[in-house]
Amino acid sequence: MKQIDGENMKRNALKGGDAAKEAFSELWNYFYPRLIQFASSFRKLPVSEYGDHAADILIKAFQKIESYNPDFALTTWVYKIAENHLNDILRKTKRDSVLSIDAAETNNSIKIDARSLIQDEAADRDLLDRCKHAISLLKADDQRIAFLKFYESMSSSEK
């Protein structure tokens, strides 16, 4: 798989003009499909928004390319921006969630949108099925690592 030269990417992006356009195009072509896949791992995000978030992440990364340190992998840097961006979106969504408590009108009861709970359960089952399938396609050693990471919540150092 082709890797992007982060140092060259940064240099071209900071030059401006056509060099910057080419740098952004290369960044987009390499990361856009990967970021859509990455967004799918955030189970509370609507599928219809994956592409928008991927685009926002790439724009944000390109705008901050000056802060990128070429001593480290560009992919690590971009995925960290993506993780922070998507977690921010989830925090904002959680703050605006559909849980209404209105003691005066509901006689001290809580109203919860049942459709969202059912959708969450379906999304959880779907994610679990997709993870099981993806893990089953890995080599035995990789299956063990994936199992420890996702089912046992172990860090890389504990494996």
Protein backbone atom coordinates (compact mmCIF):
# COMPACT_ATOMS: atom_id res chain seq x y z
CA MET A 1 0.00 0.00 0.00
CA LYS A 2 1.35 3.40 -0.97
CA GLN A 3 2.21 5.72 1.89
CA ILE A 4 2.18 9.50 1.71
CA ASP A 5 5.45 11.32 2.34
CA GLY A 6 4.39 13.66 5.15
CA GLU A 7 7.43 15.90 4.92
CA ASN A 8 6.92 16.43 1.18
CA MET A 9 3.18 16.96 1.75
CA LYS A 10 3.85 19.66 4.32
CA ARG A 11 6.47 21.36 2.15
CA ASN A 12 4.16 21.47 -0.88
CA ALA A 13 1.15 22.60 1.16
CA LEU A 14 3.11 25.50 2.61
CA LYS A 15 4.37 26.56 -0.84
CA GLY A 16 0.85 27.48 -1.85
CA GLY A 17 -0.47 27.71 -5.39
CA ASP A 18 -0.51 24.60 -7.56
CA ALA A 19 1.83 22.72 -5.20
CA ALA A 20 -0.69 23.18 -2.37
CA LYS A 21 -3.56 22.10 -4.62
CA GLU A 22 -1.67 18.92 -5.52
CA ALA A 23 -0.83 18.31 -1.86
CA PHE A 24 -4.48 18.63 -0.85
CA SER A 25 -5.58 16.40 -3.71
CA GLU A 26 -3.10 13.73 -2.64
CA LEU A 27 -4.23 14.05 0.99
CA TRP A 28 -7.88 13.78 -0.07
CA ASN A 29 -7.41 10.80 -2.39
CA TYR A 30 -5.43 8.86 0.19
CA PHE A 31 -7.39 9.62 3.36
CA TYR A 32 -11.01 10.29 2.33
CA PRO A 33 -12.05 6.63 1.95
CA ARG A 34 -10.04 5.67 5.03
CA LEU A 35 -11.68 8.38 7.12
CA ILE A 36 -15.14 7.28 6.04
CA GLN A 37 -14.25 3.78 7.27
CA PHE A 38 -12.79 5.28 10.46
CA ALA A 39 -15.98 7.28 11.05
CA SER A 40 -17.98 4.05 10.82
CA SER A 41 -16.22 2.86 13.98
CA PHE A 42 -17.99 5.64 15.89
CA ARG A 43 -21.30 3.81 16.20
CA LYS A 44 -23.37 6.79 17.29
CA LEU A 45 -22.65 8.74 14.10
CA PRO A 46 -25.31 8.54 11.38
CA VAL A 47 -24.04 6.76 8.26
CA SER A 48 -25.24 9.63 6.12
CA GLU A 49 -22.75 11.95 7.85
CA TYR A 50 -19.55 9.90 7.40
CA GLY A 51 -18.56 11.66 4.17
CA ASP A 52 -19.20 15.12 5.58
CA HIS A 53 -17.09 14.39 8.64
CA ALA A 54 -14.28 12.94 6.51
CA ALA A 55 -14.27 16.13 4.42
CA ASP A 56 -14.28 18.35 7.52
CA ILE A 57 -11.37 16.38 8.99
CA LEU A 58 -9.29 16.69 5.82
CA ILE A 59 -9.92 20.43 5.59
CA LYS A 60 -8.99 20.83 9.25
CA ALA A 61 -5.81 18.75 8.79
CA PHE A 62 -4.76 20.74 5.74
CA GLN A 63 -5.37 24.04 7.52
CA LYS A 64 -3.17 22.83 10.40
CA ILE A 65 -0.46 21.23 8.23
CA GLU A 66 2.03 23.76 9.57
CA SER A 67 1.81 22.06 13.00
CA TYR A 68 2.55 18.60 11.54
CA ASN A 69 5.92 17.18 12.66
CA PRO A 70 7.43 15.12 9.80
CA ASP A 71 9.42 13.05 12.32
CA PHE A 72 6.17 11.15 12.87
CA ALA A 73 3.84 9.40 10.46
CA LEU A 74 1.31 11.61 8.68
CA THR A 75 -1.34 8.91 9.13
CA THR A 76 -0.97 9.05 12.92
CA TRP A 77 -1.39 12.81 12.88
CA VAL A 78 -4.44 12.77 10.58
CA TYR A 79 -6.16 9.99 12.54
CA LYS A 80 -5.61 11.88 15.80
CA ILE A 81 -7.29 14.93 14.27
CA ALA A 82 -10.10 12.64 13.09
CA GLU A 83 -10.52 11.03 16.49
CA ASN A 84 -10.69 14.42 18.23
CA HIS A 85 -13.12 15.79 15.64
CA LEU A 86 -15.48 12.80 15.84
CA ASN A 87 -15.38 12.71 19.64
CA ASP A 88 -16.27 16.43 19.67
CA ILE A 89 -19.24 15.70 17.38
CA LEU A 90 -20.41 12.90 19.67
CA ARG A 91 -20.10 15.11 22.76
CA LYS A 92 -22.18 17.82 21.08
CA THR A 93 -24.74 15.24 19.98
CA LYS A 94 -24.95 13.81 23.47
CA ARG A 95 -25.56 17.26 24.92
CA ASP A 96 -28.46 17.73 22.51
CA SER A 97 -29.88 14.21 22.91
CA VAL A 98 -33.59 13.33 23.05
CA LEU A 99 -34.11 12.84 26.76
CA SER A 100 -36.74 15.15 28.14
CA ILE A 101 -37.58 15.49 31.79
CA ASP A 102 -40.51 17.67 32.52
CA ALA A 103 -41.83 17.00 36.02
CA ALA A 104 -44.65 19.52 35.83
CA GLU A 105 -46.24 18.13 32.68
CA THR A 106 -45.52 14.42 33.06
CA ASN A 107 -46.26 13.83 36.73
CA ASN A 108 -42.59 13.29 37.59
CA SER A 109 -41.98 10.73 34.84
CA ILE A 110 -39.19 10.61 32.29
CA LYS A 111 -39.89 10.47 28.55
CA ILE A 112 -37.33 8.67 26.41
CA ASP A 113 -37.49 8.41 22.64
CA ALA A 114 -38.00 4.62 22.27
CA ARG A 115 -37.14 4.68 18.55
CA SER A 116 -33.63 5.91 19.31
CA LEU A 117 -33.15 3.13 21.87
CA ILE A 118 -34.24 0.48 19.35
CA GLN A 119 -31.99 2.01 16.70
CA ASP A 120 -29.07 2.00 19.15
CA GLU A 121 -29.63 -1.70 19.89
CA ALA A 122 -29.82 -2.52 16.19
CA ALA A 123 -26.66 -0.50 15.54
CA ASP A 124 -24.90 -2.33 18.40
CA ARG A 125 -25.87 -5.73 16.95
CA ASP A 126 -24.85 -4.67 13.46
CA LEU A 127 -21.48 -3.39 14.69
CA LEU A 128 -20.86 -6.59 16.65
CA ASP A 129 -21.69 -8.71 13.60
CA ARG A 130 -19.40 -6.64 11.37
CA CYS A 131 -16.57 -6.84 13.92
CA LYS A 132 -16.93 -10.61 14.27
CA HIS A 133 -16.85 -11.01 10.49
CA ALA A 134 -13.84 -8.71 10.08
CA ILE A 135 -11.94 -10.49 12.86
CA SER A 136 -12.71 -13.89 11.34
CA LEU A 137 -10.90 -12.80 8.16
CA LEU A 138 -7.64 -12.09 10.02
CA LYS A 139 -4.70 -14.43 10.55
CA ALA A 140 -4.78 -16.36 13.85
CA ASP A 141 -2.26 -14.10 15.63
CA ASP A 142 -4.09 -10.99 14.48
CA GLN A 143 -7.42 -12.48 15.58
CA ARG A 144 -6.01 -12.93 19.07
CA ILE A 145 -4.78 -9.33 19.20
CA ALA A 146 -8.11 -8.00 17.90
CA PHE A 147 -10.00 -10.11 20.44
CA LEU A 148 -7.88 -8.81 23.31
CA LYS A 149 -8.23 -5.24 22.12
CA PHE A 150 -11.96 -5.15 21.36
CA TYR A 151 -13.46 -7.74 23.67
CA GLU A 152 -11.11 -7.45 26.63
CA SER A 153 -10.29 -3.71 26.23
CA MET A 154 -6.59 -4.34 26.64
CA SER A 155 -4.00 -1.80 25.50
CA SER A 156 -1.20 -2.66 23.09
CA SER A 157 1.31 -2.86 25.92
CA GLU A 158 -0.74 -5.50 27.76
CA LYS A 159 -0.90 -7.87 24.79
